[in-house]
Amino acid sequence: MFEKKSVVVDGKIITANGPGAAEEFGRAIVEVLTKEK
């Protein structure tokens, strides 16, 4: 499925649409990792 977003989080899967989304991608990774226990 295609979404017009810079970063998409689906459970444990995180994708980004390119280098321009690096900062947002990094924040999404941190958010997912800090939520898991």
C-alpha atoms as a PDB file:
ATOM      1  CA  MET A   1       0.000   0.000   0.000  1.00  0.00           C
ATOM      2  CA  PHE A   2       1.346   3.439  -0.921  1.00  0.00           C
ATOM      3  CA  GLU A   3       0.969   6.412   1.405  1.00  0.00           C
ATOM      4  CA  LYS A   4       1.976   9.999   0.678  1.00  0.00           C
ATOM      5  CA  LYS A   5       3.792  10.465   3.990  1.00  0.00           C
ATOM      6  CA  SER A   6       7.464  11.026   4.761  1.00  0.00           C
ATOM      7  CA  VAL A   7       7.476   8.306   7.415  1.00  0.00           C
ATOM      8  CA  VAL A   8       5.054   5.443   7.959  1.00  0.00           C
ATOM      9  CA  VAL A   9       4.978   3.313  11.119  1.00  0.00           C
ATOM     10  CA  ASP A  10       3.076   0.022  10.979  1.00  0.00           C
ATOM     11  CA  GLY A  11       3.713  -1.956  14.133  1.00  0.00           C
ATOM     12  CA  LYS A  12       7.425  -2.755  14.129  1.00  0.00           C
ATOM     13  CA  ILE A  13       7.879  -1.732  10.483  1.00  0.00           C
ATOM     14  CA  ILE A  14       9.093   1.828   9.884  1.00  0.00           C
ATOM     15  CA  THR A  15       9.677   3.175   6.383  1.00  0.00           C
ATOM     16  CA  ALA A  16      10.692   6.543   4.982  1.00  0.00           C
ATOM     17  CA  ASN A  17      10.565   8.030   1.512  1.00  0.00           C
ATOM     18  CA  GLY A  18      14.188   9.162   1.226  1.00  0.00           C
ATOM     19  CA  PRO A  19      17.052  11.142   2.758  1.00  0.00           C
ATOM     20  CA  GLY A  20      14.853  14.190   3.282  1.00  0.00           C
ATOM     21  CA  ALA A  21      12.883  12.247   5.885  1.00  0.00           C
ATOM     22  CA  ALA A  22      15.948  11.192   7.916  1.00  0.00           C
ATOM     23  CA  GLU A  23      15.198  13.330  10.975  1.00  0.00           C
ATOM     24  CA  GLU A  24      11.546  12.293  11.139  1.00  0.00           C
ATOM     25  CA  PHE A  25      12.576   8.662  10.511  1.00  0.00           C
ATOM     26  CA  GLY A  26      15.023   8.799  13.429  1.00  0.00           C
ATOM     27  CA  ARG A  27      12.369  10.218  15.723  1.00  0.00           C
ATOM     28  CA  ALA A  28       9.949   7.459  14.714  1.00  0.00           C
ATOM     29  CA  ILE A  29      12.578   4.817  15.517  1.00  0.00           C
ATOM     30  CA  VAL A  30      13.219   6.321  18.955  1.00  0.00           C
ATOM     31  CA  GLU A  31       9.485   6.513  19.643  1.00  0.00           C
ATOM     32  CA  VAL A  32       8.924   2.852  18.731  1.00  0.00           C
ATOM     33  CA  LEU A  33      11.945   1.655  20.714  1.00  0.00           C
ATOM     34  CA  THR A  34      11.006   3.597  23.835  1.00  0.00           C
ATOM     35  CA  LYS A  35       7.406   2.300  23.754  1.00  0.00           C
ATOM     36  CA  GLU A  36       8.434  -1.389  23.661  1.00  0.00           C
ATOM     37  CA  LYS A  37       8.899  -3.158  26.964  1.00  0.00           C
END
